[in-house]
PDB file of all heavy atoms in Angstrom:
ATOM      1  N   LEU A   1       5.039  -7.670   9.869  1.00  0.00           N
ATOM      2  CA  LEU A   1       5.152  -6.342   9.247  1.00  0.00           C
ATOM      3  C   LEU A   1       4.812  -6.417   7.763  1.00  0.00           C
ATOM      4  O   LEU A   1       4.122  -5.527   7.230  1.00  0.00           O
ATOM      5  CB  LEU A   1       6.570  -5.807   9.445  1.00  0.00           C
ATOM      6  CG  LEU A   1       6.845  -4.415   8.859  1.00  0.00           C
ATOM      7  CD1 LEU A   1       5.939  -3.369   9.502  1.00  0.00           C
ATOM      8  CD2 LEU A   1       8.313  -4.035   9.044  1.00  0.00           C
ATOM      9  N   THR A   2       5.271  -7.458   7.098  1.00  0.00           N
ATOM     10  CA  THR A   2       4.973  -7.625   5.668  1.00  0.00           C
ATOM     11  C   THR A   2       3.469  -7.743   5.428  1.00  0.00           C
ATOM     12  O   THR A   2       2.920  -7.125   4.500  1.00  0.00           O
ATOM     13  CB  THR A   2       5.693  -8.876   5.132  1.00  0.00           C
ATOM     14  OG1 THR A   2       7.096  -8.745   5.320  1.00  0.00           O
ATOM     15  CG2 THR A   2       5.396  -9.083   3.657  1.00  0.00           C
ATOM     16  N   ILE A   3       2.793  -8.549   6.259  1.00  0.00           N
ATOM     17  CA  ILE A   3       1.344  -8.710   6.120  1.00  0.00           C
ATOM     18  C   ILE A   3       0.634  -7.394   6.376  1.00  0.00           C
ATOM     19  O   ILE A   3      -0.278  -6.993   5.637  1.00  0.00           O
ATOM     20  CB  ILE A   3       0.837  -9.792   7.085  1.00  0.00           C
ATOM     21  CG1 ILE A   3       1.388 -11.166   6.694  1.00  0.00           C
ATOM     22  CG2 ILE A   3      -0.691  -9.838   7.100  1.00  0.00           C
ATOM     23  CD1 ILE A   3       1.089 -12.254   7.710  1.00  0.00           C
ATOM     24  N   LEU A   4       1.029  -6.707   7.443  1.00  0.00           N
ATOM     25  CA  LEU A   4       0.386  -5.443   7.801  1.00  0.00           C
ATOM     26  C   LEU A   4       0.474  -4.431   6.670  1.00  0.00           C
ATOM     27  O   LEU A   4      -0.541  -3.843   6.259  1.00  0.00           O
ATOM     28  CB  LEU A   4       1.049  -4.885   9.068  1.00  0.00           C
ATOM     29  CG  LEU A   4       0.617  -3.475   9.506  1.00  0.00           C
ATOM     30  CD1 LEU A   4      -0.860  -3.463   9.872  1.00  0.00           C
ATOM     31  CD2 LEU A   4       1.453  -3.005  10.677  1.00  0.00           C
ATOM     32  N   VAL A   5       1.665  -4.242   6.143  1.00  0.00           N
ATOM     33  CA  VAL A   5       1.853  -3.261   5.063  1.00  0.00           C
ATOM     34  C   VAL A   5       1.085  -3.689   3.815  1.00  0.00           C
ATOM     35  O   VAL A   5       0.466  -2.859   3.133  1.00  0.00           O
ATOM     36  CB  VAL A   5       3.357  -3.100   4.756  1.00  0.00           C
ATOM     37  CG1 VAL A   5       3.559  -2.267   3.493  1.00  0.00           C
ATOM     38  CG2 VAL A   5       4.071  -2.457   5.936  1.00  0.00           C
ATOM     39  N   GLY A   6       1.083  -4.993   3.522  1.00  0.00           N
ATOM     40  CA  GLY A   6       0.385  -5.480   2.333  1.00  0.00           C
ATOM     41  C   GLY A   6      -1.120  -5.321   2.396  1.00  0.00           C
ATOM     42  O   GLY A   6      -1.785  -5.199   1.356  1.00  0.00           O
ATOM     43  N   GLN A   7      -1.697  -5.307   3.613  1.00  0.00           N
ATOM     44  CA  GLN A   7      -3.151  -5.202   3.759  1.00  0.00           C
ATOM     45  C   GLN A   7      -3.644  -3.775   3.937  1.00  0.00           C
ATOM     46  O   GLN A   7      -4.847  -3.524   3.848  1.00  0.00           O
ATOM     47  CB  GLN A   7      -3.598  -6.032   4.965  1.00  0.00           C
ATOM     48  CG  GLN A   7      -3.442  -7.526   4.785  1.00  0.00           C
ATOM     49  CD  GLN A   7      -4.308  -8.065   3.666  1.00  0.00           C
ATOM     50  OE1 GLN A   7      -5.516  -7.863   3.623  1.00  0.00           O
ATOM     51  NE2 GLN A   7      -3.678  -8.778   2.725  1.00  0.00           N
ATOM     52  N   LEU A   8      -2.748  -2.841   4.203  1.00  0.00           N
ATOM     53  CA  LEU A   8      -3.182  -1.452   4.421  1.00  0.00           C
ATOM     54  C   LEU A   8      -3.927  -0.855   3.223  1.00  0.00           C
ATOM     55  O   LEU A   8      -4.952  -0.174   3.407  1.00  0.00           O
ATOM     56  CB  LEU A   8      -1.981  -0.585   4.796  1.00  0.00           C
ATOM     57  CG  LEU A   8      -1.475  -0.727   6.239  1.00  0.00           C
ATOM     58  CD1 LEU A   8      -0.226   0.121   6.457  1.00  0.00           C
ATOM     59  CD2 LEU A   8      -2.569  -0.340   7.228  1.00  0.00           C
ATOM     60  N   PRO A   9      -3.455  -1.070   1.971  1.00  0.00           N
ATOM     61  CA  PRO A   9      -4.225  -0.507   0.849  1.00  0.00           C
ATOM     62  C   PRO A   9      -5.658  -1.028   0.803  1.00  0.00           C
ATOM     63  O   PRO A   9      -6.594  -0.249   0.560  1.00  0.00           O
ATOM     64  CB  PRO A   9      -3.423  -0.961  -0.379  1.00  0.00           C
ATOM     65  CG  PRO A   9      -2.029  -1.146   0.128  1.00  0.00           C
ATOM     66  CD  PRO A   9      -2.188  -1.673   1.516  1.00  0.00           C
ATOM     67  N   LYS A  10      -5.860  -2.326   1.034  1.00  0.00           N
ATOM     68  CA  LYS A  10      -7.220  -2.869   1.029  1.00  0.00           C
ATOM     69  C   LYS A  10      -8.051  -2.254   2.146  1.00  0.00           C
ATOM     70  O   LYS A  10      -9.237  -1.984   1.970  1.00  0.00           O
ATOM     71  CB  LYS A  10      -7.184  -4.386   1.174  1.00  0.00           C
ATOM     72  CG  LYS A  10      -8.569  -5.034   1.055  1.00  0.00           C
ATOM     73  CD  LYS A  10      -8.554  -6.502   1.412  1.00  0.00           C
ATOM     74  CE  LYS A  10      -7.857  -7.338   0.391  1.00  0.00           C
ATOM     75  NZ  LYS A  10      -8.028  -8.802   0.658  1.00  0.00           N
ATOM     76  N   LEU A  11      -7.434  -2.019   3.294  1.00  0.00           N
ATOM     77  CA  LEU A  11      -8.142  -1.386   4.411  1.00  0.00           C
ATOM     78  C   LEU A  11      -8.578   0.027   4.041  1.00  0.00           C
ATOM     79  O   LEU A  11      -9.629   0.497   4.483  1.00  0.00           O
ATOM     80  CB  LEU A  11      -7.230  -1.347   5.639  1.00  0.00           C
ATOM     81  CG  LEU A  11      -7.887  -0.974   6.971  1.00  0.00           C
ATOM     82  CD1 LEU A  11      -8.722  -2.140   7.493  1.00  0.00           C
ATOM     83  CD2 LEU A  11      -6.831  -0.590   8.008  1.00  0.00           C
ATOM     84  N   PHE A  12      -7.775   0.709   3.217  1.00  0.00           N
ATOM     85  CA  PHE A  12      -8.072   2.080   2.814  1.00  0.00           C
ATOM     86  C   PHE A  12      -8.918   2.147   1.546  1.00  0.00           C
ATOM     87  O   PHE A  12      -9.253   3.230   1.083  1.00  0.00           O
ATOM     88  CB  PHE A  12      -6.773   2.864   2.605  1.00  0.00           C
ATOM     89  CG  PHE A  12      -6.174   3.393   3.870  1.00  0.00           C
ATOM     90  CD1 PHE A  12      -5.767   2.533   4.875  1.00  0.00           C
ATOM     91  CD2 PHE A  12      -6.025   4.758   4.079  1.00  0.00           C
ATOM     92  CE1 PHE A  12      -5.210   3.003   6.049  1.00  0.00           C
ATOM     93  CE2 PHE A  12      -5.474   5.252   5.251  1.00  0.00           C
ATOM     94  CZ  PHE A  12      -5.066   4.373   6.250  1.00  0.00           C
ATOM     95  N   GLY A  13      -9.220   0.976   0.957  1.00  0.00           N
ATOM     96  CA  GLY A  13     -10.142   0.948  -0.170  1.00  0.00           C
ATOM     97  C   GLY A  13      -9.529   1.053  -1.543  1.00  0.00           C
ATOM     98  O   GLY A  13     -10.234   1.300  -2.523  1.00  0.00           O
ATOM     99  N   PHE A  14      -8.206   0.864  -1.666  1.00  0.00           N
ATOM    100  CA  PHE A  14      -7.602   0.876  -3.001  1.00  0.00           C
ATOM    101  C   PHE A  14      -6.566  -0.241  -3.088  1.00  0.00           C
ATOM    102  O   PHE A  14      -6.357  -0.986  -2.127  1.00  0.00           O
ATOM    103  CB  PHE A  14      -6.986   2.247  -3.323  1.00  0.00           C
ATOM    104  CG  PHE A  14      -5.875   2.675  -2.401  1.00  0.00           C
ATOM    105  CD1 PHE A  14      -4.555   2.379  -2.678  1.00  0.00           C
ATOM    106  CD2 PHE A  14      -6.149   3.412  -1.242  1.00  0.00           C
ATOM    107  CE1 PHE A  14      -3.529   2.775  -1.840  1.00  0.00           C
ATOM    108  CE2 PHE A  14      -5.132   3.819  -0.392  1.00  0.00           C
ATOM    109  CZ  PHE A  14      -3.818   3.509  -0.695  1.00  0.00           C
ATOM    110  N   SER A  15      -5.947  -0.375  -4.232  1.00  0.00           N
ATOM    111  CA  SER A  15      -4.946  -1.421  -4.427  1.00  0.00           C
ATOM    112  C   SER A  15      -3.669  -0.792  -4.954  1.00  0.00           C
ATOM    113  O   SER A  15      -3.682   0.321  -5.501  1.00  0.00           O
ATOM    114  CB  SER A  15      -5.450  -2.488  -5.406  1.00  0.00           C
ATOM    115  OG  SER A  15      -5.733  -1.904  -6.664  1.00  0.00           O
ATOM    116  N   VAL A  16      -2.555  -1.510  -4.786  1.00  0.00           N
ATOM    117  CA  VAL A  16      -1.265  -1.019  -5.269  1.00  0.00           C
ATOM    118  C   VAL A  16      -0.564  -2.134  -6.028  1.00  0.00           C
ATOM    119  O   VAL A  16      -0.828  -3.315  -5.822  1.00  0.00           O
ATOM    120  CB  VAL A  16      -0.358  -0.550  -4.101  1.00  0.00           C
ATOM    121  CG1 VAL A  16      -1.009   0.586  -3.336  1.00  0.00           C
ATOM    122  CG2 VAL A  16      -0.017  -1.698  -3.164  1.00  0.00           C
ATOM    123  N   ASP A  17       0.333  -1.745  -6.920  1.00  0.00           N
ATOM    124  CA  ASP A  17       1.202  -2.687  -7.614  1.00  0.00           C
ATOM    125  C   ASP A  17       2.577  -2.606  -6.970  1.00  0.00           C
ATOM    126  O   ASP A  17       3.263  -1.589  -7.078  1.00  0.00           O
ATOM    127  CB  ASP A  17       1.296  -2.347  -9.109  1.00  0.00           C
ATOM    128  CG  ASP A  17      -0.020  -2.589  -9.823  1.00  0.00           C
ATOM    129  OD1 ASP A  17      -0.718  -3.536  -9.438  1.00  0.00           O
ATOM    130  OD2 ASP A  17      -0.342  -1.817 -10.753  1.00  0.00           O
ATOM    131  N   GLY A  18       2.952  -3.657  -6.280  1.00  0.00           N
ATOM    132  CA  GLY A  18       4.249  -3.655  -5.611  1.00  0.00           C
ATOM    133  C   GLY A  18       4.639  -5.066  -5.232  1.00  0.00           C
ATOM    134  O   GLY A  18       3.785  -5.878  -4.887  1.00  0.00           O
ATOM    135  N   ASP A  19       5.918  -5.346  -5.293  1.00  0.00           N
ATOM    136  CA  ASP A  19       6.426  -6.672  -4.938  1.00  0.00           C
ATOM    137  C   ASP A  19       7.444  -6.500  -3.820  1.00  0.00           C
ATOM    138  O   ASP A  19       8.533  -5.994  -4.039  1.00  0.00           O
ATOM    139  CB  ASP A  19       7.063  -7.336  -6.156  1.00  0.00           C
ATOM    140  CG  ASP A  19       7.549  -8.749  -5.837  1.00  0.00           C
ATOM    141  OD1 ASP A  19       7.108  -9.301  -4.817  1.00  0.00           O
ATOM    142  OD2 ASP A  19       8.360  -9.280  -6.612  1.00  0.00           O
ATOM    143  N   GLY A  20       7.066  -6.881  -2.628  1.00  0.00           N
ATOM    144  CA  GLY A  20       7.984  -6.741  -1.498  1.00  0.00           C
ATOM    145  C   GLY A  20       7.540  -5.648  -0.553  1.00  0.00           C
ATOM    146  O   GLY A  20       6.720  -4.781  -0.885  1.00  0.00           O
ATOM    147  N   LEU A  21       8.098  -5.681   0.630  1.00  0.00           N
ATOM    148  CA  LEU A  21       7.689  -4.774   1.696  1.00  0.00           C
ATOM    149  C   LEU A  21       7.863  -3.311   1.321  1.00  0.00           C
ATOM    150  O   LEU A  21       6.933  -2.506   1.455  1.00  0.00           O
ATOM    151  CB  LEU A  21       8.503  -5.090   2.964  1.00  0.00           C
ATOM    152  CG  LEU A  21       8.273  -4.167   4.164  1.00  0.00           C
ATOM    153  CD1 LEU A  21       6.854  -4.291   4.675  1.00  0.00           C
ATOM    154  CD2 LEU A  21       9.276  -4.492   5.279  1.00  0.00           C
ATOM    155  N   PHE A  22       9.027  -2.946   0.817  1.00  0.00           N
ATOM    156  CA  PHE A  22       9.311  -1.536   0.548  1.00  0.00           C
ATOM    157  C   PHE A  22       8.497  -1.014  -0.635  1.00  0.00           C
ATOM    158  O   PHE A  22       8.015   0.121  -0.612  1.00  0.00           O
ATOM    159  CB  PHE A  22      10.807  -1.341   0.309  1.00  0.00           C
ATOM    160  CG  PHE A  22      11.648  -1.688   1.505  1.00  0.00           C
ATOM    161  CD1 PHE A  22      12.428  -2.828   1.504  1.00  0.00           C
ATOM    162  CD2 PHE A  22      11.638  -0.896   2.638  1.00  0.00           C
ATOM    163  CE1 PHE A  22      13.188  -3.163   2.607  1.00  0.00           C
ATOM    164  CE2 PHE A  22      12.395  -1.219   3.750  1.00  0.00           C
ATOM    165  CZ  PHE A  22      13.176  -2.360   3.739  1.00  0.00           C
ATOM    166  N   ALA A  23       8.334  -1.848  -1.664  1.00  0.00           N
ATOM    167  CA  ALA A  23       7.536  -1.428  -2.816  1.00  0.00           C
ATOM    168  C   ALA A  23       6.076  -1.240  -2.428  1.00  0.00           C
ATOM    169  O   ALA A  23       5.427  -0.272  -2.855  1.00  0.00           O
ATOM    170  CB  ALA A  23       7.659  -2.451  -3.945  1.00  0.00           C
ATOM    171  N   GLU A  24       5.554  -2.135  -1.594  1.00  0.00           N
ATOM    172  CA  GLU A  24       4.162  -2.013  -1.159  1.00  0.00           C
ATOM    173  C   GLU A  24       3.976  -0.816  -0.232  1.00  0.00           C
ATOM    174  O   GLU A  24       2.958  -0.118  -0.308  1.00  0.00           O
ATOM    175  CB  GLU A  24       3.718  -3.297  -0.459  1.00  0.00           C
ATOM    176  CG  GLU A  24       3.568  -4.482  -1.402  1.00  0.00           C
ATOM    177  CD  GLU A  24       3.105  -5.735  -0.683  1.00  0.00           C
ATOM    178  OE1 GLU A  24       3.294  -5.820   0.543  1.00  0.00           O
ATOM    179  OE2 GLU A  24       2.526  -6.611  -1.353  1.00  0.00           O
ATOM    180  N   ALA A  25       4.946  -0.562   0.633  1.00  0.00           N
ATOM    181  CA  ALA A  25       4.862   0.598   1.519  1.00  0.00           C
ATOM    182  C   ALA A  25       4.893   1.890   0.702  1.00  0.00           C
ATOM    183  O   ALA A  25       4.122   2.827   0.971  1.00  0.00           O
ATOM    184  CB  ALA A  25       6.003   0.574   2.530  1.00  0.00           C
ATOM    185  N   ALA A  26       5.772   1.944  -0.303  1.00  0.00           N
ATOM    186  CA  ALA A  26       5.849   3.138  -1.144  1.00  0.00           C
ATOM    187  C   ALA A  26       4.559   3.320  -1.942  1.00  0.00           C
ATOM    188  O   ALA A  26       4.036   4.443  -2.071  1.00  0.00           O
ATOM    189  CB  ALA A  26       7.044   3.027  -2.093  1.00  0.00           C
ATOM    190  N   GLY A  27       4.008   2.218  -2.476  1.00  0.00           N
ATOM    191  CA  GLY A  27       2.751   2.300  -3.214  1.00  0.00           C
ATOM    192  C   GLY A  27       1.608   2.756  -2.337  1.00  0.00           C
ATOM    193  O   GLY A  27       0.760   3.554  -2.779  1.00  0.00           O
ATOM    194  N   PHE A  28       1.562   2.287  -1.116  1.00  0.00           N
ATOM    195  CA  PHE A  28       0.517   2.716  -0.186  1.00  0.00           C
ATOM    196  C   PHE A  28       0.637   4.203   0.108  1.00  0.00           C
ATOM    197  O   PHE A  28      -0.364   4.934   0.105  1.00  0.00           O
ATOM    198  CB  PHE A  28       0.610   1.916   1.107  1.00  0.00           C
ATOM    199  CG  PHE A  28      -0.277   2.423   2.214  1.00  0.00           C
ATOM    200  CD1 PHE A  28      -1.661   2.315   2.112  1.00  0.00           C
ATOM    201  CD2 PHE A  28       0.272   3.030   3.334  1.00  0.00           C
ATOM    202  CE1 PHE A  28      -2.482   2.793   3.125  1.00  0.00           C
ATOM    203  CE2 PHE A  28      -0.537   3.508   4.348  1.00  0.00           C
ATOM    204  CZ  PHE A  28      -1.917   3.392   4.246  1.00  0.00           C
ATOM    205  N   ALA A  29       1.862   4.661   0.357  1.00  0.00           N
ATOM    206  CA  ALA A  29       2.068   6.084   0.651  1.00  0.00           C
ATOM    207  C   ALA A  29       1.645   6.954  -0.535  1.00  0.00           C
ATOM    208  O   ALA A  29       1.002   8.003  -0.364  1.00  0.00           O
ATOM    209  CB  ALA A  29       3.526   6.333   1.008  1.00  0.00           C
ATOM    210  N   ARG A  30       1.990   6.499  -1.758  1.00  0.00           N
ATOM    211  CA  ARG A  30       1.599   7.269  -2.945  1.00  0.00           C
ATOM    212  C   ARG A  30       0.078   7.295  -3.097  1.00  0.00           C
ATOM    213  O   ARG A  30      -0.505   8.323  -3.466  1.00  0.00           O
ATOM    214  CB  ARG A  30       2.241   6.667  -4.192  1.00  0.00           C
ATOM    215  CG  ARG A  30       3.727   6.949  -4.330  1.00  0.00           C
ATOM    216  CD  ARG A  30       4.218   6.610  -5.727  1.00  0.00           C
ATOM    217  NE  ARG A  30       4.055   5.189  -6.021  1.00  0.00           N
ATOM    218  CZ  ARG A  30       4.984   4.270  -5.793  1.00  0.00           C
ATOM    219  NH1 ARG A  30       6.146   4.628  -5.259  1.00  0.00           N
ATOM    220  NH2 ARG A  30       4.779   3.005  -6.093  1.00  0.00           N
ATOM    221  N   GLY A  31      -0.578   6.160  -2.823  1.00  0.00           N
ATOM    222  CA  GLY A  31      -2.029   6.102  -2.952  1.00  0.00           C
ATOM    223  C   GLY A  31      -2.719   7.040  -1.978  1.00  0.00           C
ATOM    224  O   GLY A  31      -3.683   7.746  -2.339  1.00  0.00           O
ATOM    225  N   VAL A  32      -2.244   7.077  -0.740  1.00  0.00           N
ATOM    226  CA  VAL A  32      -2.832   7.981   0.251  1.00  0.00           C
ATOM    227  C   VAL A  32      -2.593   9.428  -0.153  1.00  0.00           C
ATOM    228  O   VAL A  32      -3.498  10.277  -0.085  1.00  0.00           O
ATOM    229  CB  VAL A  32      -2.244   7.698   1.648  1.00  0.00           C
ATOM    230  CG1 VAL A  32      -2.702   8.762   2.650  1.00  0.00           C
ATOM    231  CG2 VAL A  32      -2.647   6.317   2.140  1.00  0.00           C
ATOM    232  N   ALA A  33      -1.359   9.722  -0.592  1.00  0.00           N
ATOM    233  CA  ALA A  33      -1.034  11.089  -0.992  1.00  0.00           C
ATOM    234  C   ALA A  33      -1.851  11.534  -2.203  1.00  0.00           C
ATOM    235  O   ALA A  33      -2.191  12.723  -2.338  1.00  0.00           O
ATOM    236  CB  ALA A  33       0.456  11.198  -1.303  1.00  0.00           C
ATOM    237  N   ALA A  34      -2.181  10.590  -3.093  1.00  0.00           N
ATOM    238  CA  ALA A  34      -2.942  10.926  -4.299  1.00  0.00           C
ATOM    239  C   ALA A  34      -4.442  10.988  -4.041  1.00  0.00           C
ATOM    240  O   ALA A  34      -5.222  11.219  -4.969  1.00  0.00           O
ATOM    241  CB  ALA A  34      -2.646   9.909  -5.398  1.00  0.00           C
ATOM    242  N   GLY A  35      -4.874  10.748  -2.816  1.00  0.00           N
ATOM    243  CA  GLY A  35      -6.294  10.834  -2.481  1.00  0.00           C
ATOM    244  C   GLY A  35      -7.115   9.650  -2.929  1.00  0.00           C
ATOM    245  O   GLY A  35      -8.322   9.774  -3.163  1.00  0.00           O
ATOM    246  N   GLU A  36      -6.489   8.465  -3.029  1.00  0.00           N
ATOM    247  CA  GLU A  36      -7.220   7.283  -3.468  1.00  0.00           C
ATOM    248  C   GLU A  36      -8.007   6.612  -2.344  1.00  0.00           C
ATOM    249  O   GLU A  36      -8.747   5.660  -2.585  1.00  0.00           O
ATOM    250  CB  GLU A  36      -6.246   6.267  -4.079  1.00  0.00           C
ATOM    251  CG  GLU A  36      -5.562   6.756  -5.350  1.00  0.00           C
ATOM    252  CD  GLU A  36      -4.629   5.703  -5.934  1.00  0.00           C
ATOM    253  OE1 GLU A  36      -4.827   4.514  -5.628  1.00  0.00           O
ATOM    254  OE2 GLU A  36      -3.702   6.070  -6.682  1.00  0.00           O
TER     255      GLU A  36
END
């Protein structure tokens, strides 16, 4: 699960700043919501 969540931003074409599963999941959600 940690790997999957950590790779989702790269799959969607952007990057996030986050340390840990929950921070990376939140960063991914914000990136998608912001249209990145």
